[in-house]
Amino acid sequence: MKSYAVVFVIGALLVVAGLAMVNRSRTPGGDDRAATSATQPETERYAMSVGRPVELTQGEVQQVTTLAPSVDPSRIRPEEVGKIRAILHSQGNDANKRGRLERLLN
């Protein structure tokens, strides 16, 4: 009788551990990325707002002036803010970002 109880307890522990592992593999971690993000090209992200458009932050304006000094940040129209933000926060080197900013704003 004791041997059946031991086998039952060990089996129950294995089932609980297996369920915990399955649940952990389905829960995304803090630095996990979805599999589709690596295969799909990065798309532009636009600010979602109702009413007044979201302006560039001071840090983003500083990045624009650093990357493309020929661009005047005061000439940036509200409809270009989302595209600029997408360029600034995209992956890539500074030369690529500089070229994309200058093409967009000139």
C-alpha atoms as a PDB file:
ATOM      1  CA  MET A   1       0.000   0.000   0.000  1.00  0.00           C
ATOM      2  CA  LYS A   2       2.838   2.356   0.834  1.00  0.00           C
ATOM      3  CA  SER A   3       4.445   1.745  -2.539  1.00  0.00           C
ATOM      4  CA  TYR A   4       1.249   2.832  -4.329  1.00  0.00           C
ATOM      5  CA  ALA A   5       1.191   6.033  -2.279  1.00  0.00           C
ATOM      6  CA  VAL A   6       4.832   6.762  -3.150  1.00  0.00           C
ATOM      7  CA  VAL A   7       4.201   6.145  -6.836  1.00  0.00           C
ATOM      8  CA  PHE A   8       1.109   8.369  -6.702  1.00  0.00           C
ATOM      9  CA  VAL A   9       3.000  11.235  -5.001  1.00  0.00           C
ATOM     10  CA  ILE A  10       5.878  11.034  -7.476  1.00  0.00           C
ATOM     11  CA  GLY A  11       3.449  10.978 -10.401  1.00  0.00           C
ATOM     12  CA  ALA A  12       1.564  13.972  -9.015  1.00  0.00           C
ATOM     13  CA  LEU A  13       4.820  15.908  -8.611  1.00  0.00           C
ATOM     14  CA  LEU A  14       5.812  15.149 -12.194  1.00  0.00           C
ATOM     15  CA  VAL A  15       2.428  16.314 -13.477  1.00  0.00           C
ATOM     16  CA  VAL A  16       2.635  19.568 -11.491  1.00  0.00           C
ATOM     17  CA  ALA A  17       6.201  20.209 -12.665  1.00  0.00           C
ATOM     18  CA  GLY A  18       5.218  19.494 -16.282  1.00  0.00           C
ATOM     19  CA  LEU A  19       2.263  21.881 -16.111  1.00  0.00           C
ATOM     20  CA  ALA A  20       4.482  24.577 -14.601  1.00  0.00           C
ATOM     21  CA  MET A  21       7.012  24.190 -17.418  1.00  0.00           C
ATOM     22  CA  VAL A  22       4.303  24.378 -20.073  1.00  0.00           C
ATOM     23  CA  ASN A  23       2.822  27.478 -18.462  1.00  0.00           C
ATOM     24  CA  ARG A  24       6.241  29.126 -18.212  1.00  0.00           C
ATOM     25  CA  SER A  25       6.992  28.488 -21.881  1.00  0.00           C
ATOM     26  CA  ARG A  26       3.725  30.149 -22.911  1.00  0.00           C
ATOM     27  CA  THR A  27       4.241  33.252 -20.778  1.00  0.00           C
ATOM     28  CA  PRO A  28       6.489  35.817 -22.533  1.00  0.00           C
ATOM     29  CA  GLY A  29       9.404  37.022 -20.465  1.00  0.00           C
ATOM     30  CA  GLY A  30      10.604  40.597 -20.078  1.00  0.00           C
ATOM     31  CA  ASP A  31      13.210  40.410 -22.824  1.00  0.00           C
ATOM     32  CA  ASP A  32      11.526  37.770 -25.007  1.00  0.00           C
ATOM     33  CA  ARG A  33      10.497  38.861 -28.475  1.00  0.00           C
ATOM     34  CA  ALA A  34       7.766  37.397 -30.571  1.00  0.00           C
ATOM     35  CA  ALA A  35       8.932  35.170 -33.398  1.00  0.00           C
ATOM     36  CA  THR A  36       7.162  37.355 -35.953  1.00  0.00           C
ATOM     37  CA  SER A  37       9.107  40.483 -35.017  1.00  0.00           C
ATOM     38  CA  ALA A  38      12.371  38.938 -36.232  1.00  0.00           C
ATOM     39  CA  THR A  39      10.926  37.874 -39.568  1.00  0.00           C
ATOM     40  CA  GLN A  40       8.862  40.958 -40.385  1.00  0.00           C
ATOM     41  CA  PRO A  41      10.543  44.244 -41.328  1.00  0.00           C
ATOM     42  CA  GLU A  42      10.150  47.042 -38.861  1.00  0.00           C
ATOM     43  CA  THR A  43       7.261  49.281 -39.754  1.00  0.00           C
ATOM     44  CA  GLU A  44       6.744  52.897 -38.892  1.00  0.00           C
ATOM     45  CA  ARG A  45       4.911  53.618 -35.682  1.00  0.00           C
ATOM     46  CA  TYR A  46       2.663  56.634 -35.483  1.00  0.00           C
ATOM     47  CA  ALA A  47       1.458  58.379 -32.372  1.00  0.00           C
ATOM     48  CA  MET A  48      -2.150  57.626 -31.651  1.00  0.00           C
ATOM     49  CA  SER A  49      -3.985  60.655 -30.319  1.00  0.00           C
ATOM     50  CA  VAL A  50      -7.248  62.479 -30.565  1.00  0.00           C
ATOM     51  CA  GLY A  51      -7.085  66.229 -30.946  1.00  0.00           C
ATOM     52  CA  ARG A  52      -3.737  67.933 -30.681  1.00  0.00           C
ATOM     53  CA  PRO A  53      -0.850  65.895 -32.169  1.00  0.00           C
ATOM     54  CA  VAL A  54       1.903  64.664 -29.887  1.00  0.00           C
ATOM     55  CA  GLU A  55       5.002  66.823 -30.264  1.00  0.00           C
ATOM     56  CA  LEU A  56       8.586  65.619 -30.259  1.00  0.00           C
ATOM     57  CA  THR A  57      10.203  65.531 -26.850  1.00  0.00           C
ATOM     58  CA  GLN A  58      13.288  67.614 -26.116  1.00  0.00           C
ATOM     59  CA  GLY A  59      15.452  64.500 -26.358  1.00  0.00           C
ATOM     60  CA  GLU A  60      14.011  63.612 -29.757  1.00  0.00           C
ATOM     61  CA  VAL A  61      14.566  67.173 -31.009  1.00  0.00           C
ATOM     62  CA  GLN A  62      18.165  66.899 -29.789  1.00  0.00           C
ATOM     63  CA  GLN A  63      18.576  63.611 -31.663  1.00  0.00           C
ATOM     64  CA  VAL A  64      17.254  65.224 -34.850  1.00  0.00           C
ATOM     65  CA  THR A  65      19.696  68.133 -34.547  1.00  0.00           C
ATOM     66  CA  THR A  66      22.562  65.737 -33.775  1.00  0.00           C
ATOM     67  CA  LEU A  67      21.831  63.380 -36.658  1.00  0.00           C
ATOM     68  CA  ALA A  68      20.904  66.016 -39.237  1.00  0.00           C
ATOM     69  CA  PRO A  69      22.248  69.467 -38.310  1.00  0.00           C
ATOM     70  CA  SER A  70      20.947  70.937 -41.574  1.00  0.00           C
ATOM     71  CA  VAL A  71      17.352  70.274 -40.492  1.00  0.00           C
ATOM     72  CA  ASP A  72      15.553  73.030 -38.583  1.00  0.00           C
ATOM     73  CA  PRO A  73      13.409  71.411 -35.843  1.00  0.00           C
ATOM     74  CA  SER A  74      11.017  74.373 -35.827  1.00  0.00           C
ATOM     75  CA  ARG A  75       9.979  73.516 -39.419  1.00  0.00           C
ATOM     76  CA  ILE A  76       8.736  70.040 -38.469  1.00  0.00           C
ATOM     77  CA  ARG A  77       5.047  69.749 -39.266  1.00  0.00           C
ATOM     78  CA  PRO A  78       2.704  67.829 -36.933  1.00  0.00           C
ATOM     79  CA  GLU A  79       1.988  65.180 -39.575  1.00  0.00           C
ATOM     80  CA  GLU A  80       5.728  64.384 -39.792  1.00  0.00           C
ATOM     81  CA  VAL A  81       6.220  63.821 -36.070  1.00  0.00           C
ATOM     82  CA  GLY A  82       5.166  60.155 -36.158  1.00  0.00           C
ATOM     83  CA  LYS A  83       7.463  59.398 -39.083  1.00  0.00           C
ATOM     84  CA  ILE A  84      10.389  61.154 -37.409  1.00  0.00           C
ATOM     85  CA  ARG A  85       9.767  59.286 -34.161  1.00  0.00           C
ATOM     86  CA  ALA A  86       9.684  56.002 -36.082  1.00  0.00           C
ATOM     87  CA  ILE A  87      13.041  56.818 -37.689  1.00  0.00           C
ATOM     88  CA  LEU A  88      14.643  57.829 -34.380  1.00  0.00           C
ATOM     89  CA  HIS A  89      13.515  54.708 -32.527  1.00  0.00           C
ATOM     90  CA  SER A  90      14.205  52.260 -35.361  1.00  0.00           C
ATOM     91  CA  GLN A  91      17.134  49.906 -35.471  1.00  0.00           C
ATOM     92  CA  GLY A  92      20.039  50.889 -37.645  1.00  0.00           C
ATOM     93  CA  ASN A  93      23.106  53.027 -37.641  1.00  0.00           C
ATOM     94  CA  ASP A  94      23.216  56.814 -37.421  1.00  0.00           C
ATOM     95  CA  ALA A  95      24.150  57.260 -41.086  1.00  0.00           C
ATOM     96  CA  ASN A  96      21.036  55.402 -42.169  1.00  0.00           C
ATOM     97  CA  LYS A  97      18.857  57.442 -39.799  1.00  0.00           C
ATOM     98  CA  ARG A  98      20.498  60.681 -40.988  1.00  0.00           C
ATOM     99  CA  GLY A  99      19.742  59.903 -44.624  1.00  0.00           C
ATOM    100  CA  ARG A 100      16.132  58.973 -43.890  1.00  0.00           C
ATOM    101  CA  LEU A 101      15.612  62.152 -41.831  1.00  0.00           C
ATOM    102  CA  GLU A 102      17.081  64.391 -44.491  1.00  0.00           C
ATOM    103  CA  ARG A 103      14.990  62.772 -47.240  1.00  0.00           C
ATOM    104  CA  LEU A 104      11.860  63.202 -45.156  1.00  0.00           C
ATOM    105  CA  LEU A 105      12.436  66.800 -44.096  1.00  0.00           C
ATOM    106  CA  ASN A 106      14.095  68.300 -47.167  1.00  0.00           C
END
